[in-house]
Amino acid sequence: MNCYCIENNDKFLFCLENVENKYIETLENWGGGSVSYFFKNVGDKYIKEFPNNFNNKEINGANFQKYGESLFKNGENWEEALEVFAEQCFKENIDWIILGSISETVRGINIIPHDIDIVVHEKDLNKIKSVFLNYFIEPIMDYKDSWVLQYFGRLCINGVII
């Protein structure tokens, strides 16, 4: 899989090419295609658009190129990634909770989570941006029109998406 970024005046694009067949179904059905924070098929590639007005594009772009394929793999090293996240949050007094498949996994259900779903309080948003700056694979964006959440971003810690 080839992961790269394109920047123009108003958009910052994450692009995926040469996607292996085993990832196509996940990519095309992720989120049911009903929300704007997922990839869209455009010809022979998949694209995710961001407004070109966020900070640290260089870090996000480099991390996407390096870890983009991790978006579609299972989080096999989830224990290590969760531990790193938890330790940093504890040090910085950041409130957070887990949900989704990871909450089932830590309660003993025998599954490997696709990713680690975490919710943080809005008051800690700037701390998250600062503490995990070098882990961001997608910037935190404001989806104020979404009924699901207001802010959404992705980290990649030890190859696991958070």
N, C-alpha and C. Protein backbone atom coordinates (compact mmCIF):
# COMPACT_ATOMS: atom_id res chain seq x y z
N MET A 1 0.86 -1.17 0.00
CA MET A 1 0.00 0.00 0.00
C MET A 1 0.90 1.23 0.00
N ASN A 2 0.59 2.17 -0.86
CA ASN A 2 1.33 3.41 -0.95
C ASN A 2 0.51 4.51 -0.28
N CYS A 3 1.04 5.08 0.78
CA CYS A 3 0.36 6.14 1.54
C CYS A 3 1.15 7.44 1.34
N TYR A 4 0.46 8.48 0.89
CA TYR A 4 1.14 9.76 0.67
C TYR A 4 0.13 10.90 0.83
N CYS A 5 0.66 12.12 0.85
CA CYS A 5 -0.17 13.31 1.04
C CYS A 5 0.02 14.27 -0.13
N ILE A 6 -1.04 15.00 -0.43
CA ILE A 6 -1.01 16.07 -1.42
C ILE A 6 -1.59 17.31 -0.76
N GLU A 7 -0.92 18.42 -0.94
CA GLU A 7 -1.39 19.68 -0.37
C GLU A 7 -1.63 20.68 -1.49
N ASN A 8 -2.79 21.34 -1.43
CA ASN A 8 -3.04 22.44 -2.34
C ASN A 8 -3.54 23.62 -1.53
N ASN A 9 -4.07 24.63 -2.17
CA ASN A 9 -4.45 25.85 -1.46
C ASN A 9 -5.47 25.63 -0.36
N ASP A 10 -6.49 24.82 -0.61
CA ASP A 10 -7.56 24.69 0.38
C ASP A 10 -7.72 23.30 0.97
N LYS A 11 -7.01 22.30 0.46
CA LYS A 11 -7.17 20.92 0.93
C LYS A 11 -5.82 20.28 1.24
N PHE A 12 -5.85 19.42 2.23
CA PHE A 12 -4.72 18.54 2.54
C PHE A 12 -5.26 17.14 2.39
N LEU A 13 -4.72 16.36 1.47
CA LEU A 13 -5.27 15.06 1.12
C LEU A 13 -4.37 13.92 1.57
N PHE A 14 -4.98 12.93 2.20
CA PHE A 14 -4.31 11.66 2.47
C PHE A 14 -4.73 10.73 1.34
N CYS A 15 -3.76 10.11 0.68
CA CYS A 15 -4.05 9.26 -0.47
C CYS A 15 -3.50 7.85 -0.24
N LEU A 16 -4.27 6.87 -0.67
CA LEU A 16 -3.87 5.46 -0.62
C LEU A 16 -3.95 4.90 -2.02
N GLU A 17 -2.88 4.27 -2.46
CA GLU A 17 -2.85 3.59 -3.75
C GLU A 17 -2.30 2.19 -3.55
N ASN A 18 -2.58 1.34 -4.53
CA ASN A 18 -2.12 -0.05 -4.48
C ASN A 18 -2.56 -0.74 -3.19
N VAL A 19 -3.82 -0.56 -2.88
CA VAL A 19 -4.39 -1.16 -1.67
C VAL A 19 -4.60 -2.65 -1.92
N GLU A 20 -4.06 -3.47 -1.04
CA GLU A 20 -4.22 -4.92 -1.17
C GLU A 20 -5.69 -5.29 -1.03
N ASN A 21 -6.10 -6.33 -1.76
CA ASN A 21 -7.49 -6.77 -1.75
C ASN A 21 -8.02 -7.03 -0.35
N LYS A 22 -7.18 -7.54 0.54
CA LYS A 22 -7.63 -7.87 1.89
C LYS A 22 -8.06 -6.64 2.69
N TYR A 23 -7.67 -5.42 2.23
CA TYR A 23 -8.05 -4.20 2.94
C TYR A 23 -9.22 -3.47 2.28
N ILE A 24 -9.58 -3.84 1.06
CA ILE A 24 -10.61 -3.11 0.30
C ILE A 24 -11.95 -3.08 1.03
N GLU A 25 -12.42 -4.23 1.48
CA GLU A 25 -13.72 -4.28 2.15
C GLU A 25 -13.73 -3.41 3.40
N THR A 26 -12.67 -3.51 4.18
CA THR A 26 -12.58 -2.67 5.38
C THR A 26 -12.61 -1.20 5.01
N LEU A 27 -11.85 -0.85 4.01
CA LEU A 27 -11.75 0.54 3.58
C LEU A 27 -13.08 1.07 3.05
N GLU A 28 -13.77 0.27 2.25
CA GLU A 28 -15.01 0.73 1.64
C GLU A 28 -16.21 0.71 2.58
N ASN A 29 -16.15 -0.10 3.61
CA ASN A 29 -17.29 -0.21 4.52
C ASN A 29 -17.05 0.40 5.89
N TRP A 30 -15.91 0.94 6.09
CA TRP A 30 -15.55 1.51 7.38
C TRP A 30 -16.48 2.68 7.68
N GLY A 31 -17.30 2.54 8.69
CA GLY A 31 -18.23 3.59 9.07
C GLY A 31 -19.46 3.65 8.20
N GLY A 32 -19.63 2.69 7.31
CA GLY A 32 -20.81 2.68 6.46
C GLY A 32 -20.83 3.79 5.44
N GLY A 33 -19.74 4.54 5.34
CA GLY A 33 -19.67 5.62 4.36
C GLY A 33 -20.59 6.78 4.68
N SER A 34 -21.15 6.81 5.90
CA SER A 34 -22.15 7.82 6.21
C SER A 34 -21.60 9.06 6.88
N VAL A 35 -20.33 9.05 7.21
CA VAL A 35 -19.75 10.21 7.88
C VAL A 35 -18.55 10.71 7.11
N SER A 36 -18.21 11.97 7.32
CA SER A 36 -17.20 12.61 6.48
C SER A 36 -15.77 12.32 6.91
N TYR A 37 -15.56 11.57 7.97
CA TYR A 37 -14.18 11.34 8.40
C TYR A 37 -13.63 9.99 7.97
N PHE A 38 -14.11 9.46 6.85
CA PHE A 38 -13.57 8.23 6.29
C PHE A 38 -13.07 8.45 4.87
N PHE A 39 -12.31 7.49 4.35
CA PHE A 39 -11.76 7.58 3.00
C PHE A 39 -12.83 7.35 1.95
N LYS A 40 -12.65 8.00 0.79
CA LYS A 40 -13.57 7.84 -0.34
C LYS A 40 -12.78 7.29 -1.53
N ASN A 41 -13.42 6.41 -2.29
CA ASN A 41 -12.81 5.87 -3.49
C ASN A 41 -12.92 6.90 -4.61
N VAL A 42 -11.75 7.24 -5.18
CA VAL A 42 -11.69 8.17 -6.31
C VAL A 42 -10.79 7.53 -7.36
N GLY A 43 -11.42 6.93 -8.36
CA GLY A 43 -10.65 6.26 -9.41
C GLY A 43 -9.88 5.07 -8.87
N ASP A 44 -8.57 5.11 -9.00
CA ASP A 44 -7.73 3.98 -8.56
C ASP A 44 -7.11 4.22 -7.18
N LYS A 45 -7.61 5.21 -6.45
CA LYS A 45 -7.06 5.48 -5.12
C LYS A 45 -8.16 5.82 -4.14
N TYR A 46 -7.80 5.88 -2.90
CA TYR A 46 -8.71 6.29 -1.83
C TYR A 46 -8.16 7.58 -1.24
N ILE A 47 -9.07 8.52 -1.00
CA ILE A 47 -8.66 9.85 -0.56
C ILE A 47 -9.47 10.26 0.67
N LYS A 48 -8.79 10.92 1.57
CA LYS A 48 -9.44 11.54 2.72
C LYS A 48 -9.01 13.00 2.71
N GLU A 49 -10.00 13.90 2.72
CA GLU A 49 -9.73 15.33 2.62
C GLU A 49 -9.79 16.00 3.99
N PHE A 50 -8.88 16.94 4.18
CA PHE A 50 -8.89 17.80 5.35
C PHE A 50 -8.79 19.24 4.86
N PRO A 51 -9.39 20.17 5.57
CA PRO A 51 -9.13 21.58 5.23
C PRO A 51 -7.64 21.86 5.44
N ASN A 52 -7.08 22.69 4.61
CA ASN A 52 -5.64 22.95 4.68
C ASN A 52 -5.33 24.06 5.68
N ASN A 53 -5.90 23.98 6.85
CA ASN A 53 -5.71 25.04 7.84
C ASN A 53 -5.35 24.52 9.23
N PHE A 54 -4.82 23.31 9.33
CA PHE A 54 -4.46 22.79 10.64
C PHE A 54 -2.95 22.86 10.85
N ASN A 55 -2.54 22.85 12.09
CA ASN A 55 -1.12 22.92 12.43
C ASN A 55 -0.46 21.55 12.32
N ASN A 56 0.85 21.58 12.20
CA ASN A 56 1.68 20.37 12.23
C ASN A 56 1.39 19.41 11.08
N LYS A 57 1.11 19.95 9.90
CA LYS A 57 0.85 19.12 8.73
C LYS A 57 2.05 18.23 8.39
N GLU A 58 3.25 18.73 8.61
CA GLU A 58 4.44 17.95 8.29
C GLU A 58 4.48 16.67 9.12
N ILE A 59 4.18 16.79 10.42
CA ILE A 59 4.19 15.62 11.31
C ILE A 59 3.08 14.65 10.92
N ASN A 60 1.86 15.18 10.73
CA ASN A 60 0.74 14.32 10.35
C ASN A 60 1.01 13.63 9.02
N GLY A 61 1.54 14.36 8.06
CA GLY A 61 1.83 13.78 6.75
C GLY A 61 2.90 12.70 6.82
N ALA A 62 3.97 12.97 7.55
CA ALA A 62 5.05 11.97 7.69
C ALA A 62 4.54 10.73 8.41
N ASN A 63 3.73 10.92 9.45
CA ASN A 63 3.18 9.77 10.17
C ASN A 63 2.20 8.98 9.31
N PHE A 64 1.40 9.68 8.50
CA PHE A 64 0.49 8.96 7.60
C PHE A 64 1.27 8.12 6.59
N GLN A 65 2.32 8.69 6.02
CA GLN A 65 3.12 7.94 5.07
C GLN A 65 3.75 6.72 5.73
N LYS A 66 4.19 6.87 6.96
CA LYS A 66 4.86 5.78 7.67
C LYS A 66 3.89 4.74 8.22
N TYR A 67 2.74 5.19 8.76
CA TYR A 67 1.84 4.30 9.49
C TYR A 67 0.46 4.14 8.87
N GLY A 68 0.22 4.72 7.69
CA GLY A 68 -1.11 4.70 7.09
C GLY A 68 -1.71 3.32 6.97
N GLU A 69 -0.89 2.34 6.63
CA GLU A 69 -1.41 0.98 6.48
C GLU A 69 -1.93 0.43 7.82
N SER A 70 -1.40 0.94 8.92
CA SER A 70 -1.86 0.50 10.24
C SER A 70 -3.33 0.82 10.48
N LEU A 71 -3.87 1.79 9.73
CA LEU A 71 -5.28 2.14 9.87
C LEU A 71 -6.20 0.96 9.61
N PHE A 72 -5.72 -0.02 8.83
CA PHE A 72 -6.58 -1.10 8.37
C PHE A 72 -6.17 -2.47 8.89
N LYS A 73 -5.23 -2.49 9.81
CA LYS A 73 -4.79 -3.76 10.40
C LYS A 73 -5.37 -3.88 11.80
N ASN A 74 -5.35 -5.08 12.33
CA ASN A 74 -5.73 -5.27 13.73
C ASN A 74 -4.64 -4.71 14.63
N GLY A 75 -5.06 -4.27 15.81
CA GLY A 75 -4.14 -3.71 16.77
C GLY A 75 -3.48 -4.79 17.62
N GLU A 76 -2.60 -5.56 17.01
CA GLU A 76 -2.02 -6.71 17.69
C GLU A 76 -1.17 -6.33 18.89
N ASN A 77 -0.57 -5.16 18.90
CA ASN A 77 0.25 -4.70 20.03
C ASN A 77 -0.54 -3.73 20.90
N TRP A 78 -1.82 -3.96 21.04
CA TRP A 78 -2.69 -3.01 21.72
C TRP A 78 -2.29 -2.78 23.18
N GLU A 79 -1.76 -3.81 23.87
CA GLU A 79 -1.40 -3.63 25.28
C GLU A 79 -0.31 -2.57 25.44
N GLU A 80 0.72 -2.65 24.61
CA GLU A 80 1.82 -1.69 24.67
C GLU A 80 1.33 -0.28 24.34
N ALA A 81 0.52 -0.16 23.30
CA ALA A 81 0.02 1.14 22.88
C ALA A 81 -0.86 1.76 23.97
N LEU A 82 -1.74 0.96 24.54
CA LEU A 82 -2.62 1.46 25.59
C LEU A 82 -1.81 1.88 26.81
N GLU A 83 -0.77 1.13 27.13
CA GLU A 83 0.08 1.47 28.27
C GLU A 83 0.80 2.80 28.05
N VAL A 84 1.35 3.02 26.87
CA VAL A 84 2.01 4.29 26.55
C VAL A 84 1.01 5.44 26.68
N PHE A 85 -0.18 5.25 26.10
CA PHE A 85 -1.20 6.29 26.16
C PHE A 85 -1.58 6.58 27.62
N ALA A 86 -1.85 5.53 28.38
CA ALA A 86 -2.29 5.69 29.77
C ALA A 86 -1.21 6.38 30.62
N GLU A 87 0.04 5.99 30.44
CA GLU A 87 1.12 6.60 31.22
C GLU A 87 1.23 8.09 30.95
N GLN A 88 1.15 8.47 29.67
CA GLN A 88 1.24 9.89 29.32
C GLN A 88 0.05 10.68 29.88
N CYS A 89 -1.13 10.09 29.78
CA CYS A 89 -2.32 10.77 30.31
C CYS A 89 -2.24 10.92 31.82
N PHE A 90 -1.74 9.91 32.50
CA PHE A 90 -1.58 9.97 33.95
C PHE A 90 -0.62 11.10 34.33
N LYS A 91 0.52 11.17 33.63
CA LYS A 91 1.51 12.22 33.90
C LYS A 91 0.94 13.62 33.71
N GLU A 92 0.08 13.78 32.72
CA GLU A 92 -0.46 15.09 32.36
C GLU A 92 -1.83 15.36 32.96
N ASN A 93 -2.32 14.42 33.77
CA ASN A 93 -3.64 14.56 34.41
C ASN A 93 -4.75 14.77 33.37
N ILE A 94 -4.74 13.92 32.36
CA ILE A 94 -5.74 13.94 31.29
C ILE A 94 -6.79 12.88 31.59
N ASP A 95 -8.05 13.29 31.63
CA ASP A 95 -9.15 12.35 31.84
C ASP A 95 -9.49 11.67 30.52
N TRP A 96 -9.69 10.35 30.56
CA TRP A 96 -10.00 9.59 29.35
C TRP A 96 -10.71 8.31 29.72
N ILE A 97 -11.41 7.75 28.74
CA ILE A 97 -12.06 6.45 28.90
C ILE A 97 -11.89 5.66 27.60
N ILE A 98 -11.97 4.35 27.71
CA ILE A 98 -11.95 3.51 26.51
C ILE A 98 -13.38 3.07 26.21
N LEU A 99 -13.63 2.75 24.96
CA LEU A 99 -14.91 2.19 24.55
C LEU A 99 -14.70 1.36 23.31
N GLY A 100 -15.75 0.74 22.83
CA GLY A 100 -15.64 -0.11 21.65
C GLY A 100 -15.02 -1.45 21.99
N SER A 101 -14.41 -2.06 20.97
CA SER A 101 -13.89 -3.41 21.14
C SER A 101 -12.78 -3.50 22.18
N ILE A 102 -12.02 -2.44 22.37
CA ILE A 102 -10.94 -2.48 23.36
C ILE A 102 -11.51 -2.63 24.78
N SER A 103 -12.68 -2.05 25.03
CA SER A 103 -13.28 -2.21 26.36
C SER A 103 -13.69 -3.66 26.60
N GLU A 104 -14.10 -4.35 25.56
CA GLU A 104 -14.42 -5.77 25.68
C GLU A 104 -13.15 -6.59 25.89
N THR A 105 -12.10 -6.22 25.16
CA THR A 105 -10.84 -6.95 25.24
C THR A 105 -10.24 -6.87 26.64
N VAL A 106 -10.22 -5.67 27.23
CA VAL A 106 -9.62 -5.54 28.57
C VAL A 106 -10.48 -6.22 29.63
N ARG A 107 -11.72 -6.52 29.33
CA ARG A 107 -12.58 -7.26 30.26
C ARG A 107 -12.52 -8.77 30.04
N GLY A 108 -11.62 -9.20 29.13
CA GLY A 108 -11.38 -10.63 29.00
C GLY A 108 -11.99 -11.32 27.79
N ILE A 109 -12.72 -10.60 26.97
CA ILE A 109 -13.27 -11.23 25.76
C ILE A 109 -12.11 -11.44 24.79
N ASN A 110 -12.02 -12.62 24.23
CA ASN A 110 -10.88 -13.02 23.42
C ASN A 110 -11.00 -12.50 21.98
N ILE A 111 -10.73 -11.22 21.80
CA ILE A 111 -10.69 -10.62 20.47
C ILE A 111 -9.46 -9.72 20.37
N ILE A 112 -8.99 -9.52 19.17
CA ILE A 112 -7.93 -8.53 18.94
C ILE A 112 -8.62 -7.31 18.36
N PRO A 113 -8.58 -6.19 19.08
CA PRO A 113 -9.27 -4.99 18.59
C PRO A 113 -8.63 -4.44 17.32
N HIS A 114 -9.46 -3.86 16.47
CA HIS A 114 -8.95 -3.21 15.26
C HIS A 114 -8.13 -1.98 15.64
N ASP A 115 -8.61 -1.25 16.63
CA ASP A 115 -7.96 -0.04 17.09
C ASP A 115 -8.32 0.17 18.56
N ILE A 116 -7.89 1.26 19.13
CA ILE A 116 -8.24 1.60 20.50
C ILE A 116 -9.08 2.86 20.45
N ASP A 117 -10.34 2.72 20.80
CA ASP A 117 -11.24 3.87 20.82
C ASP A 117 -11.19 4.53 22.19
N ILE A 118 -10.87 5.82 22.18
CA ILE A 118 -10.72 6.57 23.42
C ILE A 118 -11.49 7.87 23.29
N VAL A 119 -12.10 8.26 24.40
CA VAL A 119 -12.77 9.55 24.49
C VAL A 119 -12.06 10.36 25.57
N VAL A 120 -11.75 11.59 25.26
CA VAL A 120 -11.20 12.51 26.25
C VAL A 120 -12.14 13.69 26.39
N HIS A 121 -12.09 14.32 27.54
CA HIS A 121 -12.93 15.49 27.78
C HIS A 121 -12.39 16.66 26.96
N GLU A 122 -13.29 17.49 26.51
CA GLU A 122 -12.91 18.64 25.69
C GLU A 122 -11.90 19.55 26.39
N LYS A 123 -11.96 19.60 27.71
CA LYS A 123 -11.03 20.46 28.46
C LYS A 123 -9.58 19.99 28.29
N ASP A 124 -9.38 18.73 27.93
CA ASP A 124 -8.03 18.18 27.77
C ASP A 124 -7.57 18.11 26.32
N LEU A 125 -8.34 18.67 25.42
CA LEU A 125 -8.03 18.58 23.99
C LEU A 125 -6.66 19.18 23.66
N ASN A 126 -6.36 20.35 24.18
CA ASN A 126 -5.06 20.97 23.89
C ASN A 126 -3.91 20.18 24.50
N LYS A 127 -4.13 19.58 25.66
CA LYS A 127 -3.09 18.72 26.26
C LYS A 127 -2.82 17.52 25.35
N ILE A 128 -3.89 16.89 24.85
CA ILE A 128 -3.74 15.74 23.95
C ILE A 128 -2.93 16.14 22.72
N LYS A 129 -3.28 17.29 22.14
CA LYS A 129 -2.57 17.76 20.95
C LYS A 129 -1.09 17.96 21.23
N SER A 130 -0.77 18.47 22.40
CA SER A 130 0.62 18.75 22.76
C SER A 130 1.38 17.48 23.15
N VAL A 131 0.82 16.70 24.05
CA VAL A 131 1.50 15.51 24.59
C VAL A 131 1.75 14.47 23.50
N PHE A 132 0.78 14.30 22.61
CA PHE A 132 0.86 13.24 21.60
C PHE A 132 1.19 13.76 20.20
N LEU A 133 1.76 14.95 20.13
CA LEU A 133 2.05 15.61 18.86
C LEU A 133 2.75 14.68 17.86
N ASN A 134 3.75 13.96 18.30
CA ASN A 134 4.53 13.13 17.39
C ASN A 134 3.88 11.80 17.07
N TYR A 135 2.71 11.53 17.63
CA TYR A 135 1.99 10.29 17.35
C TYR A 135 0.81 10.49 16.40
N PHE A 136 0.47 11.73 16.09
CA PHE A 136 -0.72 11.97 15.27
C PHE A 136 -0.53 11.45 13.86
N ILE A 137 -1.50 10.65 13.43
CA ILE A 137 -1.52 10.15 12.06
C ILE A 137 -2.60 10.92 11.28
N GLU A 138 -3.61 11.42 11.98
CA GLU A 138 -4.61 12.32 11.41
C GLU A 138 -4.86 13.43 12.42
N PRO A 139 -4.98 14.65 11.94
CA PRO A 139 -5.17 15.77 12.87
C PRO A 139 -6.53 15.71 13.56
N ILE A 140 -6.61 16.32 14.72
CA ILE A 140 -7.90 16.46 15.38
C ILE A 140 -8.67 17.55 14.64
N MET A 141 -9.83 17.16 14.11
CA MET A 141 -10.67 18.09 13.36
C MET A 141 -11.98 18.30 14.10
N ASP A 142 -12.58 19.44 13.89
CA ASP A 142 -13.86 19.78 14.50
C ASP A 142 -14.98 19.39 13.54
N TYR A 143 -15.77 18.39 13.95
CA TYR A 143 -16.92 17.92 13.16
C TYR A 143 -18.20 18.37 13.85
N LYS A 144 -18.34 19.67 14.05
CA LYS A 144 -19.45 20.20 14.84
C LYS A 144 -20.82 19.83 14.30
N ASP A 145 -20.91 19.45 13.03
CA ASP A 145 -22.20 19.06 12.47
C ASP A 145 -22.50 17.57 12.64
N SER A 146 -21.56 16.81 13.19
CA SER A 146 -21.76 15.38 13.37
C SER A 146 -22.58 15.11 14.63
N TRP A 147 -23.51 14.19 14.54
CA TRP A 147 -24.29 13.83 15.72
C TRP A 147 -23.53 12.84 16.61
N VAL A 148 -22.43 12.28 16.08
CA VAL A 148 -21.67 11.27 16.82
C VAL A 148 -20.65 11.90 17.77
N LEU A 149 -19.89 12.84 17.28
CA LEU A 149 -18.82 13.45 18.06
C LEU A 149 -18.52 14.82 17.51
N GLN A 150 -17.81 15.63 18.30
CA GLN A 150 -17.43 16.94 17.79
C GLN A 150 -16.00 16.93 17.26
N TYR A 151 -15.09 16.32 17.99
CA TYR A 151 -13.70 16.30 17.57
C TYR A 151 -13.27 14.86 17.28
N PHE A 152 -12.43 14.72 16.27
CA PHE A 152 -11.97 13.38 15.91
C PHE A 152 -10.56 13.49 15.34
N GLY A 153 -9.68 12.61 15.79
CA GLY A 153 -8.32 12.53 15.28
C GLY A 153 -7.81 11.12 15.53
N ARG A 154 -6.64 10.82 15.01
CA ARG A 154 -6.07 9.48 15.20
C ARG A 154 -4.59 9.60 15.55
N LEU A 155 -4.22 8.74 16.49
CA LEU A 155 -2.81 8.57 16.85
C LEU A 155 -2.36 7.21 16.36
N CYS A 156 -1.07 7.03 16.23
CA CYS A 156 -0.51 5.70 15.97
C CYS A 156 0.63 5.51 16.97
N ILE A 157 0.42 4.59 17.91
CA ILE A 157 1.42 4.28 18.92
C ILE A 157 1.80 2.81 18.77
N ASN A 158 3.07 2.55 18.54
CA ASN A 158 3.57 1.18 18.35
C ASN A 158 2.79 0.42 17.28
N GLY A 159 2.41 1.12 16.21
CA GLY A 159 1.70 0.49 15.11
C GLY A 159 0.21 0.27 15.34
N VAL A 160 -0.31 0.78 16.45
CA VAL A 160 -1.73 0.62 16.79
C VAL A 160 -2.42 1.98 16.68
N ILE A 161 -3.56 2.00 16.03
CA ILE A 161 -4.32 3.23 15.86
C ILE A 161 -5.17 3.50 17.11
N ILE A 162 -5.07 4.73 17.56
CA ILE A 162 -5.86 5.19 18.71
C ILE A 162 -6.69 6.38 18.24
